[in-house]
C-alpha atoms as a PDB file:
ATOM      1  CA  MET A   1      25.318  32.682 -18.525  1.00  0.00           C
ATOM      2  CA  SER A   2      27.553  34.693 -16.219  1.00  0.00           C
ATOM      3  CA  TYR A   3      28.168  33.931 -12.566  1.00  0.00           C
ATOM      4  CA  SER A   4      26.014  36.842 -11.456  1.00  0.00           C
ATOM      5  CA  GLU A   5      23.087  35.621 -13.611  1.00  0.00           C
ATOM      6  CA  LEU A   6      23.542  32.120 -12.233  1.00  0.00           C
ATOM      7  CA  ILE A   7      23.532  33.398  -8.649  1.00  0.00           C
ATOM      8  CA  ASP A   8      20.427  35.488  -9.340  1.00  0.00           C
ATOM      9  CA  GLU A   9      18.660  32.462 -10.851  1.00  0.00           C
ATOM     10  CA  LEU A  10      19.612  30.206  -7.927  1.00  0.00           C
ATOM     11  CA  THR A  11      18.523  32.865  -5.440  1.00  0.00           C
ATOM     12  CA  ASN A  12      15.137  33.192  -7.123  1.00  0.00           C
ATOM     13  CA  MET A  13      14.723  29.403  -7.122  1.00  0.00           C
ATOM     14  CA  ALA A  14      15.576  29.206  -3.415  1.00  0.00           C
ATOM     15  CA  ILE A  15      13.177  32.018  -2.523  1.00  0.00           C
ATOM     16  CA  LYS A  16      10.427  30.371  -4.537  1.00  0.00           C
ATOM     17  CA  LYS A  17      11.089  27.006  -2.884  1.00  0.00           C
ATOM     18  CA  LEU A  18      11.040  28.484   0.630  1.00  0.00           C
ATOM     19  CA  ASP A  19       7.951  30.640   0.075  1.00  0.00           C
ATOM     20  CA  PRO A  20       5.144  29.282   2.338  1.00  0.00           C
ATOM     21  CA  GLU A  21       2.450  29.833  -0.309  1.00  0.00           C
ATOM     22  CA  GLU A  22       4.471  28.016  -2.947  1.00  0.00           C
ATOM     23  CA  ARG A  23       5.211  25.200  -0.510  1.00  0.00           C
ATOM     24  CA  GLU A  24       1.493  24.778   0.246  1.00  0.00           C
ATOM     25  CA  SER A  25       0.570  24.677  -3.442  1.00  0.00           C
ATOM     26  CA  ARG A  26       3.272  22.043  -4.118  1.00  0.00           C
ATOM     27  CA  LYS A  27       1.968  20.028  -1.168  1.00  0.00           C
ATOM     28  CA  GLN A  28      -1.582  20.089  -2.563  1.00  0.00           C
ATOM     29  CA  ILE A  29      -0.381  19.044  -6.016  1.00  0.00           C
ATOM     30  CA  THR A  30       1.525  16.111  -4.500  1.00  0.00           C
ATOM     31  CA  GLN A  31      -1.517  15.020  -2.477  1.00  0.00           C
ATOM     32  CA  ASN A  32      -3.755  15.167  -5.546  1.00  0.00           C
ATOM     33  CA  LYS A  33      -1.314  13.024  -7.511  1.00  0.00           C
ATOM     34  CA  SER A  34      -1.155  10.412  -4.738  1.00  0.00           C
ATOM     35  CA  LEU A  35      -4.956  10.245  -4.548  1.00  0.00           C
ATOM     36  CA  LYS A  36      -5.119   9.511  -8.267  1.00  0.00           C
ATOM     37  CA  THR A  37      -2.946   6.413  -7.830  1.00  0.00           C
ATOM     38  CA  SER A  38      -5.477   3.608  -7.692  1.00  0.00           C
ATOM     39  CA  THR A  39      -4.816   0.123  -6.473  1.00  0.00           C
ATOM     40  CA  SER A  40      -5.514  -1.303  -9.923  1.00  0.00           C
ATOM     41  CA  ALA A  41      -2.774   0.841 -11.472  1.00  0.00           C
ATOM     42  CA  VAL A  42      -0.311  -0.349  -8.856  1.00  0.00           C
ATOM     43  CA  GLU A  43      -1.380  -3.960  -9.325  1.00  0.00           C
ATOM     44  CA  GLN A  44      -0.583  -3.746 -13.026  1.00  0.00           C
ATOM     45  CA  GLN A  45       3.005  -2.719 -12.312  1.00  0.00           C
ATOM     46  CA  TYR A  46       3.840  -6.046 -10.690  1.00  0.00           C
ATOM     47  CA  LYS A  47       3.977  -9.527 -12.107  1.00  0.00           C
ATOM     48  CA  GLN A  48       0.762 -11.479 -11.763  1.00  0.00           C
ATOM     49  CA  ASN A  49       2.250 -14.170  -9.547  1.00  0.00           C
ATOM     50  CA  SER A  50       4.694 -12.025  -7.592  1.00  0.00           C
ATOM     51  CA  ARG A  51       4.732 -12.519  -3.821  1.00  0.00           C
ATOM     52  CA  TYR A  52       5.483  -8.815  -3.330  1.00  0.00           C
ATOM     53  CA  ILE A  53       2.492  -6.878  -1.959  1.00  0.00           C
ATOM     54  CA  PRO A  54       2.586  -3.159  -2.824  1.00  0.00           C
ATOM     55  CA  SER A  55       2.120  -0.750   0.104  1.00  0.00           C
ATOM     56  CA  VAL A  56      -1.042   0.678  -1.502  1.00  0.00           C
ATOM     57  CA  ILE A  57      -2.602  -2.795  -1.441  1.00  0.00           C
ATOM     58  CA  LYS A  58      -1.428  -3.381   2.131  1.00  0.00           C
ATOM     59  CA  ARG A  59      -3.057  -0.147   3.306  1.00  0.00           C
ATOM     60  CA  ALA A  60      -6.303  -0.956   1.486  1.00  0.00           C
ATOM     61  CA  VAL A  61      -6.408  -4.488   2.974  1.00  0.00           C
ATOM     62  CA  TRP A  62      -5.637  -3.122   6.451  1.00  0.00           C
ATOM     63  CA  GLN A  63      -8.496  -0.612   6.189  1.00  0.00           C
ATOM     64  CA  ARG A  64     -10.916  -3.167   4.725  1.00  0.00           C
ATOM     65  CA  ASP A  65     -10.137  -5.749   7.435  1.00  0.00           C
ATOM     66  CA  LYS A  66      -9.984  -3.049  10.146  1.00  0.00           C
ATOM     67  CA  GLY A  67      -6.567  -4.197  11.380  1.00  0.00           C
ATOM     68  CA  ARG A  68      -7.903  -7.573  12.570  1.00  0.00           C
ATOM     69  CA  CYS A  69      -7.590 -11.236  11.643  1.00  0.00           C
ATOM     70  CA  VAL A  70     -10.506 -12.170   9.369  1.00  0.00           C
ATOM     71  CA  PHE A  71     -10.020 -15.963   9.498  1.00  0.00           C
ATOM     72  CA  LYS A  72     -13.281 -17.919   9.914  1.00  0.00           C
ATOM     73  CA  GLU A  73     -13.315 -21.586  10.904  1.00  0.00           C
ATOM     74  CA  SER A  74     -16.533 -21.991   8.900  1.00  0.00           C
ATOM     75  CA  GLU A  75     -19.371 -19.816   7.609  1.00  0.00           C
ATOM     76  CA  ASN A  76     -21.214 -20.227  10.930  1.00  0.00           C
ATOM     77  CA  HIS A  77     -18.325 -18.908  13.020  1.00  0.00           C
ATOM     78  CA  SER A  78     -17.413 -15.267  13.539  1.00  0.00           C
ATOM     79  CA  PRO A  79     -13.968 -14.016  12.451  1.00  0.00           C
ATOM     80  CA  CYS A  80     -11.011 -14.442  14.827  1.00  0.00           C
ATOM     81  CA  GLY A  81     -10.602 -10.676  15.280  1.00  0.00           C
ATOM     82  CA  SER A  82      -7.097 -10.821  16.770  1.00  0.00           C
ATOM     83  CA  LYS A  83      -4.928  -7.713  16.481  1.00  0.00           C
ATOM     84  CA  LEU A  84      -1.691  -9.534  17.365  1.00  0.00           C
ATOM     85  CA  GLN A  85       1.003 -10.762  14.953  1.00  0.00           C
ATOM     86  CA  LEU A  86      -0.980  -9.930  11.812  1.00  0.00           C
ATOM     87  CA  GLU A  87       0.297 -11.121   8.450  1.00  0.00           C
ATOM     88  CA  TYR A  88      -0.864 -10.636   4.874  1.00  0.00           C
ATOM     89  CA  HIS A  89      -2.268 -13.902   3.541  1.00  0.00           C
ATOM     90  CA  HIS A  90      -2.693 -14.873  -0.123  1.00  0.00           C
ATOM     91  CA  GLU A  91      -6.015 -16.769  -0.466  1.00  0.00           C
ATOM     92  CA  ILE A  92      -4.650 -18.374  -3.616  1.00  0.00           C
ATOM     93  CA  PRO A  93      -0.914 -18.913  -3.015  1.00  0.00           C
ATOM     94  CA  SER A  94       1.541 -17.162  -5.323  1.00  0.00           C
ATOM     95  CA  ALA A  95       2.955 -20.544  -6.308  1.00  0.00           C
ATOM     96  CA  ASN A  96      -0.492 -21.523  -7.604  1.00  0.00           C
ATOM     97  CA  GLY A  97      -0.898 -18.350  -9.643  1.00  0.00           C
ATOM     98  CA  GLY A  98      -2.432 -16.157  -6.922  1.00  0.00           C
ATOM     99  CA  GLN A  99      -2.003 -12.447  -7.454  1.00  0.00           C
ATOM    100  CA  SER A 100      -1.071  -9.732  -4.975  1.00  0.00           C
ATOM    101  CA  ASN A 101      -4.327  -7.834  -5.387  1.00  0.00           C
ATOM    102  CA  LEU A 102      -7.079  -6.631  -3.088  1.00  0.00           C
ATOM    103  CA  GLU A 103      -9.324  -9.621  -3.780  1.00  0.00           C
ATOM    104  CA  ASN A 104      -6.654 -12.230  -3.013  1.00  0.00           C
ATOM    105  CA  ILE A 105      -5.005 -10.695   0.074  1.00  0.00           C
ATOM    106  CA  LYS A 106      -6.444 -10.696   3.594  1.00  0.00           C
ATOM    107  CA  LEU A 107      -5.184 -10.190   7.133  1.00  0.00           C
ATOM    108  CA  ASN A 108      -4.601 -13.250   9.311  1.00  0.00           C
ATOM    109  CA  CYS A 109      -2.975 -13.587  12.692  1.00  0.00           C
ATOM    110  CA  LYS A 110       0.186 -15.693  12.634  1.00  0.00           C
ATOM    111  CA  ARG A 111      -1.618 -18.722  14.094  1.00  0.00           C
ATOM    112  CA  HIS A 112      -4.305 -18.768  11.426  1.00  0.00           C
ATOM    113  CA  ASN A 113      -1.885 -17.951   8.602  1.00  0.00           C
ATOM    114  CA  VAL A 114       0.208 -20.998   9.504  1.00  0.00           C
ATOM    115  CA  HIS A 115      -2.986 -23.056   9.971  1.00  0.00           C
ATOM    116  CA  GLN A 116      -4.216 -22.205   6.464  1.00  0.00           C
ATOM    117  CA  THR A 117      -0.794 -22.821   4.932  1.00  0.00           C
ATOM    118  CA  ASN A 118      -0.672 -26.334   6.386  1.00  0.00           C
ATOM    119  CA  PHE A 119      -4.034 -27.266   4.863  1.00  0.00           C
ATOM    120  CA  LYS A 120      -3.477 -26.061   1.287  1.00  0.00           C
END
């Protein structure tokens, strides 16, 4: 390949990359790929007893719990509902084999997260 052919090829690539229609189609393809990533697929990538919580799981927990502490003192009490100092809480601790999945993670305020940790 000569220098002139290389320059022509690079110019065509740059024009294609900067073209608004091409950019929009690439954006749609990227969005479709991200929608196909399910939480179960992400969960399988990590060790079963890893303390790491993938961002996909964090977002799903945040949406499910509506950005509030869901700690209940008992079944008769309503949830705390605090929006301050929220932390991701493993119902079954990682040390006891708890997984970082949607069923085992919930949002707790710092006070209730520490409270539950002290009683397990």
